[in-house]
PDB file of N, CA and C in Angstrom:
ATOM      1  N   MET A   1      44.131 263.790  64.912  1.00  0.00           N
ATOM      2  CA  MET A   1      44.652 264.524  66.026  1.00  0.00           C
ATOM      3  C   MET A   1      46.175 264.539  65.923  1.00  0.00           C
ATOM      4  N   LEU A   2      46.748 265.678  66.139  1.00  0.00           N
ATOM      5  CA  LEU A   2      48.200 265.795  66.153  1.00  0.00           C
ATOM      6  C   LEU A   2      48.698 265.816  67.580  1.00  0.00           C
ATOM      7  N   LEU A   3      49.733 265.055  67.832  1.00  0.00           N
ATOM      8  CA  LEU A   3      50.357 265.017  69.147  1.00  0.00           C
ATOM      9  C   LEU A   3      51.824 265.359  68.991  1.00  0.00           C
ATOM     10  N   ASP A   4      52.334 266.116  69.924  1.00  0.00           N
ATOM     11  CA  ASP A   4      53.767 266.384  69.889  1.00  0.00           C
ATOM     12  C   ASP A   4      54.472 265.361  70.767  1.00  0.00           C
ATOM     13  N   VAL A   5      55.721 265.143  70.465  1.00  0.00           N
ATOM     14  CA  VAL A   5      56.532 264.222  71.261  1.00  0.00           C
ATOM     15  C   VAL A   5      57.510 265.067  72.044  1.00  0.00           C
ATOM     16  N   HIS A   6      57.456 264.943  73.355  1.00  0.00           N
ATOM     17  CA  HIS A   6      58.363 265.691  74.205  1.00  0.00           C
ATOM     18  C   HIS A   6      59.794 265.202  73.987  1.00  0.00           C
ATOM     19  N   ALA A   7      60.741 266.049  74.284  1.00  0.00           N
ATOM     20  CA  ALA A   7      62.153 265.744  74.035  1.00  0.00           C
ATOM     21  C   ALA A   7      62.569 264.397  74.602  1.00  0.00           C
ATOM     22  N   GLU A   8      62.110 264.082  75.808  1.00  0.00           N
ATOM     23  CA  GLU A   8      62.514 262.810  76.411  1.00  0.00           C
ATOM     24  C   GLU A   8      61.895 261.613  75.691  1.00  0.00           C
ATOM     25  N   GLY A   9      60.834 261.820  74.932  1.00  0.00           N
ATOM     26  CA  GLY A   9      60.206 260.742  74.188  1.00  0.00           C
ATOM     27  C   GLY A   9      60.874 260.421  72.874  1.00  0.00           C
ATOM     28  N   TRP A  10      61.668 261.330  72.352  1.00  0.00           N
ATOM     29  CA  TRP A  10      62.310 261.093  71.051  1.00  0.00           C
ATOM     30  C   TRP A  10      63.236 259.890  71.056  1.00  0.00           C
ATOM     31  N   ARG A  11      63.955 259.702  72.130  1.00  0.00           N
ATOM     32  CA  ARG A  11      64.875 258.550  72.181  1.00  0.00           C
ATOM     33  C   ARG A  11      64.093 257.244  72.085  1.00  0.00           C
ATOM     34  N   ALA A  12      63.021 257.111  72.833  1.00  0.00           N
ATOM     35  CA  ALA A  12      62.201 255.901  72.773  1.00  0.00           C
ATOM     36  C   ALA A  12      61.571 255.751  71.394  1.00  0.00           C
ATOM     37  N   LEU A  13      61.105 256.848  70.824  1.00  0.00           N
ATOM     38  CA  LEU A  13      60.463 256.796  69.512  1.00  0.00           C
ATOM     39  C   LEU A  13      61.455 256.400  68.430  1.00  0.00           C
ATOM     40  N   SER A  14      62.632 256.993  68.455  1.00  0.00           N
ATOM     41  CA  SER A  14      63.578 256.765  67.370  1.00  0.00           C
ATOM     42  C   SER A  14      64.342 255.457  67.492  1.00  0.00           C
ATOM     43  N   THR A  15      64.363 254.865  68.655  1.00  0.00           N
ATOM     44  CA  THR A  15      65.122 253.618  68.804  1.00  0.00           C
ATOM     45  C   THR A  15      64.197 252.422  68.946  1.00  0.00           C
ATOM     46  N   SER A  16      63.801 252.127  70.145  1.00  0.00           N
ATOM     47  CA  SER A  16      63.106 250.856  70.389  1.00  0.00           C
ATOM     48  C   SER A  16      61.765 250.735  69.675  1.00  0.00           C
ATOM     49  N   THR A  17      60.885 251.707  69.809  1.00  0.00           N
ATOM     50  CA  THR A  17      59.554 251.575  69.222  1.00  0.00           C
ATOM     51  C   THR A  17      59.611 251.583  67.707  1.00  0.00           C
ATOM     52  N   TYR A  18      60.347 252.507  67.134  1.00  0.00           N
ATOM     53  CA  TYR A  18      60.450 252.587  65.680  1.00  0.00           C
ATOM     54  C   TYR A  18      61.080 251.331  65.093  1.00  0.00           C
ATOM     55  N   GLU A  19      62.096 250.801  65.747  1.00  0.00           N
ATOM     56  CA  GLU A  19      62.755 249.590  65.259  1.00  0.00           C
ATOM     57  C   GLU A  19      61.803 248.393  65.252  1.00  0.00           C
ATOM     58  N   ILE A  20      60.879 248.351  66.180  1.00  0.00           N
ATOM     59  CA  ILE A  20      59.937 247.233  66.249  1.00  0.00           C
ATOM     60  C   ILE A  20      58.861 247.339  65.178  1.00  0.00           C
ATOM     61  N   VAL A  21      58.256 248.520  65.040  1.00  0.00           N
ATOM     62  CA  VAL A  21      57.128 248.648  64.121  1.00  0.00           C
ATOM     63  C   VAL A  21      57.526 249.081  62.720  1.00  0.00           C
ATOM     64  N   GLY A  22      58.674 249.751  62.570  1.00  0.00           N
ATOM     65  CA  GLY A  22      59.193 250.084  61.251  1.00  0.00           C
ATOM     66  C   GLY A  22      58.595 251.307  60.582  1.00  0.00           C
ATOM     67  N   ARG A  23      57.690 251.994  61.259  1.00  0.00           N
ATOM     68  CA  ARG A  23      57.096 253.217  60.700  1.00  0.00           C
ATOM     69  C   ARG A  23      56.963 254.251  61.806  1.00  0.00           C
ATOM     70  N   MET A  24      57.307 255.491  61.484  1.00  0.00           N
ATOM     71  CA  MET A  24      57.266 256.550  62.485  1.00  0.00           C
ATOM     72  C   MET A  24      55.842 256.831  62.955  1.00  0.00           C
ATOM     73  N   ASP A  25      54.852 256.788  62.052  1.00  0.00           N
ATOM     74  CA  ASP A  25      53.474 257.054  62.466  1.00  0.00           C
ATOM     75  C   ASP A  25      52.964 255.982  63.426  1.00  0.00           C
ATOM     76  N   ALA A  26      53.312 254.741  63.167  1.00  0.00           N
ATOM     77  CA  ALA A  26      52.898 253.649  64.040  1.00  0.00           C
ATOM     78  C   ALA A  26      53.610 253.736  65.389  1.00  0.00           C
ATOM     79  N   ALA A  27      54.880 254.076  65.367  1.00  0.00           N
ATOM     80  CA  ALA A  27      55.633 254.243  66.611  1.00  0.00           C
ATOM     81  C   ALA A  27      55.047 255.377  67.441  1.00  0.00           C
ATOM     82  N   SER A  28      54.649 256.447  66.788  1.00  0.00           N
ATOM     83  CA  SER A  28      54.035 257.580  67.492  1.00  0.00           C
ATOM     84  C   SER A  28      52.722 257.170  68.135  1.00  0.00           C
ATOM     85  N   ALA A  29      51.943 256.358  67.448  1.00  0.00           N
ATOM     86  CA  ALA A  29      50.669 255.896  68.006  1.00  0.00           C
ATOM     87  C   ALA A  29      50.897 255.068  69.262  1.00  0.00           C
ATOM     88  N   VAL A  30      51.909 254.229  69.252  1.00  0.00           N
ATOM     89  CA  VAL A  30      52.214 253.402  70.421  1.00  0.00           C
ATOM     90  C   VAL A  30      52.633 254.273  71.595  1.00  0.00           C
ATOM     91  N   LEU A  31      53.500 255.237  71.348  1.00  0.00           N
ATOM     92  CA  LEU A  31      53.943 256.103  72.437  1.00  0.00           C
ATOM     93  C   LEU A  31      52.794 256.927  72.996  1.00  0.00           C
ATOM     94  N   ALA A  32      51.897 257.387  72.127  1.00  0.00           N
ATOM     95  CA  ALA A  32      50.728 258.142  72.590  1.00  0.00           C
ATOM     96  C   ALA A  32      49.835 257.248  73.452  1.00  0.00           C
ATOM     97  N   ALA A  33      49.660 256.009  73.042  1.00  0.00           N
ATOM     98  CA  ALA A  33      48.834 255.077  73.814  1.00  0.00           C
ATOM     99  C   ALA A  33      49.428 254.836  75.194  1.00  0.00           C
ATOM    100  N   VAL A  34      50.734 254.722  75.257  1.00  0.00           N
ATOM    101  CA  VAL A  34      51.393 254.519  76.546  1.00  0.00           C
ATOM    102  C   VAL A  34      51.259 255.772  77.408  1.00  0.00           C
ATOM    103  N   GLU A  35      51.511 256.929  76.809  1.00  0.00           N
ATOM    104  CA  GLU A  35      51.476 258.185  77.560  1.00  0.00           C
ATOM    105  C   GLU A  35      50.073 258.504  78.084  1.00  0.00           C
ATOM    106  N   PHE A  36      49.050 258.232  77.284  1.00  0.00           N
ATOM    107  CA  PHE A  36      47.683 258.579  77.666  1.00  0.00           C
ATOM    108  C   PHE A  36      46.878 257.390  78.189  1.00  0.00           C
ATOM    109  N   ASP A  37      47.554 256.259  78.394  1.00  0.00           N
ATOM    110  CA  ASP A  37      46.933 255.050  78.934  1.00  0.00           C
ATOM    111  C   ASP A  37      45.671 254.669  78.161  1.00  0.00           C
ATOM    112  N   CYS A  38      45.846 254.469  76.858  1.00  0.00           N
ATOM    113  CA  CYS A  38      44.732 254.081  76.003  1.00  0.00           C
ATOM    114  C   CYS A  38      45.211 253.033  74.992  1.00  0.00           C
ATOM    115  N   ASP A  39      44.344 252.631  74.092  1.00  0.00           N
ATOM    116  CA  ASP A  39      44.669 251.618  73.102  1.00  0.00           C
ATOM    117  C   ASP A  39      44.925 252.244  71.736  1.00  0.00           C
ATOM    118  N   VAL A  40      45.555 251.472  70.859  1.00  0.00           N
ATOM    119  CA  VAL A  40      45.723 251.844  69.456  1.00  0.00           C
ATOM    120  C   VAL A  40      44.693 251.045  68.669  1.00  0.00           C
ATOM    121  N   VAL A  41      43.797 251.733  67.978  1.00  0.00           N
ATOM    122  CA  VAL A  41      42.803 251.088  67.129  1.00  0.00           C
ATOM    123  C   VAL A  41      43.313 251.203  65.699  1.00  0.00           C
ATOM    124  N   THR A  42      43.465 250.064  65.012  1.00  0.00           N
ATOM    125  CA  THR A  42      44.115 250.081  63.707  1.00  0.00           C
ATOM    126  C   THR A  42      43.533 249.038  62.757  1.00  0.00           C
ATOM    127  N   ALA A  43      43.572 249.368  61.497  1.00  0.00           N
ATOM    128  CA  ALA A  43      43.185 248.413  60.450  1.00  0.00           C
ATOM    129  C   ALA A  43      44.376 247.567  60.025  1.00  0.00           C
ATOM    130  N   THR A  44      45.567 247.900  60.511  1.00  0.00           N
ATOM    131  CA  THR A  44      46.778 247.153  60.160  1.00  0.00           C
ATOM    132  C   THR A  44      47.501 246.671  61.430  1.00  0.00           C
ATOM    133  N   PRO A  45      46.889 245.743  62.156  1.00  0.00           N
ATOM    134  CA  PRO A  45      47.498 245.289  63.404  1.00  0.00           C
ATOM    135  C   PRO A  45      48.822 244.559  63.206  1.00  0.00           C
ATOM    136  N   ARG A  46      49.091 244.072  62.014  1.00  0.00           N
ATOM    137  CA  ARG A  46      50.356 243.368  61.776  1.00  0.00           C
ATOM    138  C   ARG A  46      51.561 244.281  61.968  1.00  0.00           C
ATOM    139  N   LEU A  47      51.371 245.598  61.840  1.00  0.00           N
ATOM    140  CA  LEU A  47      52.470 246.534  62.097  1.00  0.00           C
ATOM    141  C   LEU A  47      52.983 246.402  63.524  1.00  0.00           C
ATOM    142  N   TYR A  48      52.096 246.035  64.410  1.00  0.00           N
ATOM    143  CA  TYR A  48      52.409 246.018  65.836  1.00  0.00           C
ATOM    144  C   TYR A  48      52.673 244.611  66.357  1.00  0.00           C
ATOM    145  N   ALA A  49      52.854 243.665  65.479  1.00  0.00           N
ATOM    146  CA  ALA A  49      53.008 242.260  65.870  1.00  0.00           C
ATOM    147  C   ALA A  49      54.196 242.033  66.804  1.00  0.00           C
ATOM    148  N   GLY A  50      55.224 242.839  66.713  1.00  0.00           N
ATOM    149  CA  GLY A  50      56.406 242.654  67.548  1.00  0.00           C
ATOM    150  C   GLY A  50      56.283 243.221  68.940  1.00  0.00           C
ATOM    151  N   LEU A  51      55.168 243.834  69.254  1.00  0.00           N
ATOM    152  CA  LEU A  51      54.983 244.432  70.572  1.00  0.00           C
ATOM    153  C   LEU A  51      54.273 243.479  71.514  1.00  0.00           C
ATOM    154  N   ASP A  52      54.608 243.576  72.776  1.00  0.00           N
ATOM    155  CA  ASP A  52      53.928 242.798  73.814  1.00  0.00           C
ATOM    156  C   ASP A  52      52.720 243.583  74.299  1.00  0.00           C
ATOM    157  N   GLY A  53      51.776 242.892  74.871  1.00  0.00           N
ATOM    158  CA  GLY A  53      50.642 243.560  75.473  1.00  0.00           C
ATOM    159  C   GLY A  53      49.384 243.475  74.644  1.00  0.00           C
ATOM    160  N   ASP A  54      48.338 244.055  75.164  1.00  0.00           N
ATOM    161  CA  ASP A  54      47.042 243.985  74.503  1.00  0.00           C
ATOM    162  C   ASP A  54      46.479 245.378  74.215  1.00  0.00           C
ATOM    163  N   THR A  55      47.341 246.317  73.908  1.00  0.00           N
ATOM    164  CA  THR A  55      46.887 247.682  73.644  1.00  0.00           C
ATOM    165  C   THR A  55      46.545 247.917  72.173  1.00  0.00           C
ATOM    166  N   ILE A  56      46.729 246.915  71.317  1.00  0.00           N
ATOM    167  CA  ILE A  56      46.427 247.054  69.903  1.00  0.00           C
ATOM    168  C   ILE A  56      45.070 246.398  69.630  1.00  0.00           C
ATOM    169  N   LEU A  57      44.124 247.195  69.172  1.00  0.00           N
ATOM    170  CA  LEU A  57      42.789 246.705  68.870  1.00  0.00           C
ATOM    171  C   LEU A  57      42.558 246.761  67.370  1.00  0.00           C
ATOM    172  N   PRO A  58      42.437 245.610  66.720  1.00  0.00           N
ATOM    173  CA  PRO A  58      42.249 245.610  65.269  1.00  0.00           C
ATOM    174  C   PRO A  58      40.824 246.009  64.881  1.00  0.00           C
ATOM    175  N   ILE A  59      40.726 246.734  63.785  1.00  0.00           N
ATOM    176  CA  ILE A  59      39.437 247.042  63.178  1.00  0.00           C
ATOM    177  C   ILE A  59      39.198 245.963  62.132  1.00  0.00           C
ATOM    178  N   GLU A  60      38.098 245.289  62.253  1.00  0.00           N
ATOM    179  CA  GLU A  60      37.798 244.219  61.304  1.00  0.00           C
ATOM    180  C   GLU A  60      36.832 244.727  60.242  1.00  0.00           C
ATOM    181  N   ASP A  61      36.991 244.204  59.031  1.00  0.00           N
ATOM    182  CA  ASP A  61      36.110 244.604  57.918  1.00  0.00           C
ATOM    183  C   ASP A  61      34.722 244.079  58.096  1.00  0.00           C
TER     184      ASP A  61
END
């Protein structure tokens, strides 16, 4: 699914979220989860280790 980032979201994406996770795709997933009040399901939860909260759900092998 492709999501657009509204102009006001770019500042949050390019600064705080991106600096924490280190990847634009991961930062976008976090912002989408916040905006749509849902979780991020991922096979690489270590990307999100610097974030607070319980919105990251790891996929286990």
